[in-house]
Amino acid sequence: MTLDETVKLGMSLLGWSLGGMFALFLSRKVYDVITPFDADKELTEDKNVAVGISKGGFLVGSAIILHGLIQGQKLHDDILMEIGVTAGFLLLCFVLLWLGRFVLVKTTAFDFNHHIHEADNVAVGWVEGAFYVALAIVIHGAL
């Protein structure tokens, strides 16, 4: 590997890593928007493990999707256009995760939000967290 290739690889690594950190930060905020409760309060004040598992699954799912977007087919030679397209698809994928949660909650026989938010039901938190990861794997496969 030449010095030029090494520098280019290093810059790519740095750029996508910083972009990935920003995307995961954004993912935390998206989770807060799509849940009908204050996730930060549930985690810090109420020590709600079910919410922690659910939010953790959402973050892992977001990382799986981000991996698919970064490793997938490049659509533009221009790096700024590529970043813009990647960001647009990431937002679309967040909508798909929200839609998946909506369908999961609506098709479950019990009050999903009650069991995670109020009852601190860890089993339901695992189901939701695993659902996010499973859906992200499916989305990743489509990328």
Protein backbone atom coordinates (compact mmCIF):
# COMPACT_ATOMS: atom_id res chain seq x y z
CA MET A 1 0.00 0.00 0.00
CA THR A 2 1.40 3.36 -1.00
CA LEU A 3 1.55 6.34 1.30
CA ASP A 4 -1.16 8.06 -0.76
CA GLU A 5 -3.47 5.04 -0.39
CA THR A 6 -2.74 4.87 3.33
CA VAL A 7 -3.61 8.53 3.81
CA LYS A 8 -6.79 8.13 1.75
CA LEU A 9 -7.82 5.08 3.79
CA GLY A 10 -7.07 6.93 7.04
CA MET A 11 -9.14 9.92 5.97
CA SER A 12 -11.99 7.65 4.93
CA LEU A 13 -11.82 5.82 8.28
CA LEU A 14 -11.81 9.09 10.21
CA GLY A 15 -14.63 10.60 8.16
CA TRP A 16 -16.96 7.60 8.29
CA SER A 17 -16.19 7.01 11.99
CA LEU A 18 -17.08 10.60 12.90
CA GLY A 19 -20.15 10.38 10.66
CA GLY A 20 -21.09 7.10 12.33
CA MET A 21 -20.81 8.66 15.79
CA PHE A 22 -23.07 11.49 14.67
CA ALA A 23 -25.52 8.97 13.15
CA LEU A 24 -25.65 6.99 16.41
CA PHE A 25 -26.22 10.20 18.38
CA LEU A 26 -29.03 11.00 15.96
CA SER A 27 -30.34 7.45 16.46
CA ARG A 28 -30.64 8.09 20.21
CA LYS A 29 -32.73 11.16 19.48
CA VAL A 30 -34.91 9.29 16.96
CA TYR A 31 -35.64 6.64 19.60
CA ASP A 32 -36.75 9.39 21.97
CA VAL A 33 -39.10 10.75 19.30
CA ILE A 34 -40.72 7.43 18.35
CA THR A 35 -41.40 6.27 21.92
CA PRO A 36 -44.38 7.71 23.80
CA PHE A 37 -42.42 8.20 27.02
CA ASP A 38 -39.34 10.05 28.24
CA ALA A 39 -36.65 7.42 27.68
CA ASP A 40 -33.93 9.41 29.47
CA LYS A 41 -36.10 9.74 32.58
CA GLU A 42 -36.96 6.03 32.41
CA LEU A 43 -33.26 5.15 32.21
CA THR A 44 -31.77 7.58 34.73
CA GLU A 45 -34.47 8.21 37.34
CA ASP A 46 -36.60 5.04 37.16
CA LYS A 47 -33.70 2.71 36.23
CA ASN A 48 -36.05 0.96 33.79
CA VAL A 49 -34.10 -2.01 32.40
CA ALA A 50 -36.80 -2.76 29.79
CA VAL A 51 -36.33 0.67 28.22
CA GLY A 52 -32.55 0.22 28.33
CA ILE A 53 -32.80 -3.07 26.46
CA SER A 54 -35.19 -1.59 23.91
CA LYS A 55 -33.04 1.49 23.33
CA GLY A 56 -29.91 -0.65 23.14
CA GLY A 57 -31.56 -2.81 20.48
CA PHE A 58 -32.49 0.32 18.55
CA LEU A 59 -28.88 1.53 18.65
CA VAL A 60 -27.51 -1.86 17.55
CA GLY A 61 -30.12 -1.94 14.78
CA SER A 62 -29.11 1.55 13.68
CA ALA A 63 -25.46 0.48 13.57
CA ILE A 64 -26.35 -2.56 11.44
CA ILE A 65 -28.21 -0.30 9.01
CA LEU A 66 -25.35 2.21 8.98
CA HIS A 67 -22.94 -0.62 8.17
CA GLY A 68 -25.10 -1.59 5.21
CA LEU A 69 -25.19 1.99 3.99
CA ILE A 70 -21.43 2.47 4.27
CA GLN A 71 -20.49 -0.92 2.77
CA GLY A 72 -23.21 -0.93 0.14
CA GLN A 73 -22.97 0.10 -3.47
CA LYS A 74 -21.61 3.61 -3.97
CA LEU A 75 -24.07 5.76 -5.89
CA HIS A 76 -21.87 8.82 -6.48
CA ASP A 77 -18.18 9.46 -7.08
CA ASP A 78 -18.43 12.81 -5.31
CA ILE A 79 -17.92 12.25 -1.57
CA LEU A 80 -20.32 15.03 -0.54
CA MET A 81 -23.07 13.57 -2.72
CA GLU A 82 -22.34 10.12 -1.30
CA ILE A 83 -22.63 11.45 2.25
CA GLY A 84 -25.90 13.18 1.35
CA VAL A 85 -27.35 10.02 -0.20
CA THR A 86 -26.21 7.97 2.80
CA ALA A 87 -27.82 10.46 5.20
CA GLY A 88 -31.06 10.39 3.20
CA PHE A 89 -31.20 6.61 3.22
CA LEU A 90 -30.40 6.59 6.97
CA LEU A 91 -33.40 8.85 7.60
CA LEU A 92 -35.56 6.55 5.47
CA CYS A 93 -34.34 3.60 7.52
CA PHE A 94 -35.25 5.43 10.75
CA VAL A 95 -38.76 5.80 9.33
CA LEU A 96 -38.79 2.05 8.62
CA LEU A 97 -37.74 1.29 12.22
CA TRP A 98 -40.49 3.60 13.48
CA LEU A 99 -42.99 1.90 11.18
CA GLY A 100 -41.80 -1.48 12.44
CA ARG A 101 -42.36 -0.39 16.05
CA PHE A 102 -45.79 0.94 15.16
CA VAL A 103 -46.78 -2.39 13.58
CA LEU A 104 -45.30 -4.36 16.50
CA VAL A 105 -47.23 -2.34 19.07
CA LYS A 106 -50.50 -2.47 17.09
CA THR A 107 -50.32 -6.23 16.42
CA THR A 108 -49.48 -7.25 19.98
CA ALA A 109 -52.36 -8.55 22.12
CA PHE A 110 -51.23 -6.61 25.22
CA ASP A 111 -50.45 -2.95 25.87
CA PHE A 112 -46.85 -2.90 24.70
CA ASN A 113 -46.07 0.62 25.89
CA HIS A 114 -47.51 -0.05 29.36
CA HIS A 115 -45.36 -3.15 29.82
CA ILE A 116 -42.15 -1.37 28.85
CA HIS A 117 -42.79 2.07 30.30
CA GLU A 118 -44.85 1.46 33.44
CA ALA A 119 -44.45 -2.22 34.33
CA ASP A 120 -40.69 -2.29 33.59
CA ASN A 121 -41.26 -5.68 31.94
CA VAL A 122 -37.77 -6.79 30.90
CA ALA A 123 -39.11 -9.59 28.69
CA VAL A 124 -41.09 -7.10 26.60
CA GLY A 125 -38.01 -4.85 26.43
CA TRP A 126 -36.06 -7.79 25.00
CA VAL A 127 -38.77 -8.46 22.44
CA GLU A 128 -38.75 -4.86 21.27
CA GLY A 129 -34.95 -4.60 21.27
CA ALA A 130 -34.61 -7.88 19.35
CA PHE A 131 -37.29 -6.71 16.92
CA TYR A 132 -35.24 -3.59 16.10
CA VAL A 133 -32.12 -5.71 15.51
CA ALA A 134 -34.02 -8.26 13.38
CA LEU A 135 -35.65 -5.54 11.28
CA ALA A 136 -32.29 -3.82 10.84
CA ILE A 137 -30.77 -7.08 9.56
CA VAL A 138 -33.57 -7.34 6.99
CA ILE A 139 -33.05 -3.70 5.96
CA HIS A 140 -29.29 -4.29 5.79
CA GLY A 141 -29.92 -7.17 3.40
CA ALA A 142 -31.86 -4.86 1.11
CA LEU A 143 -29.12 -2.23 0.97
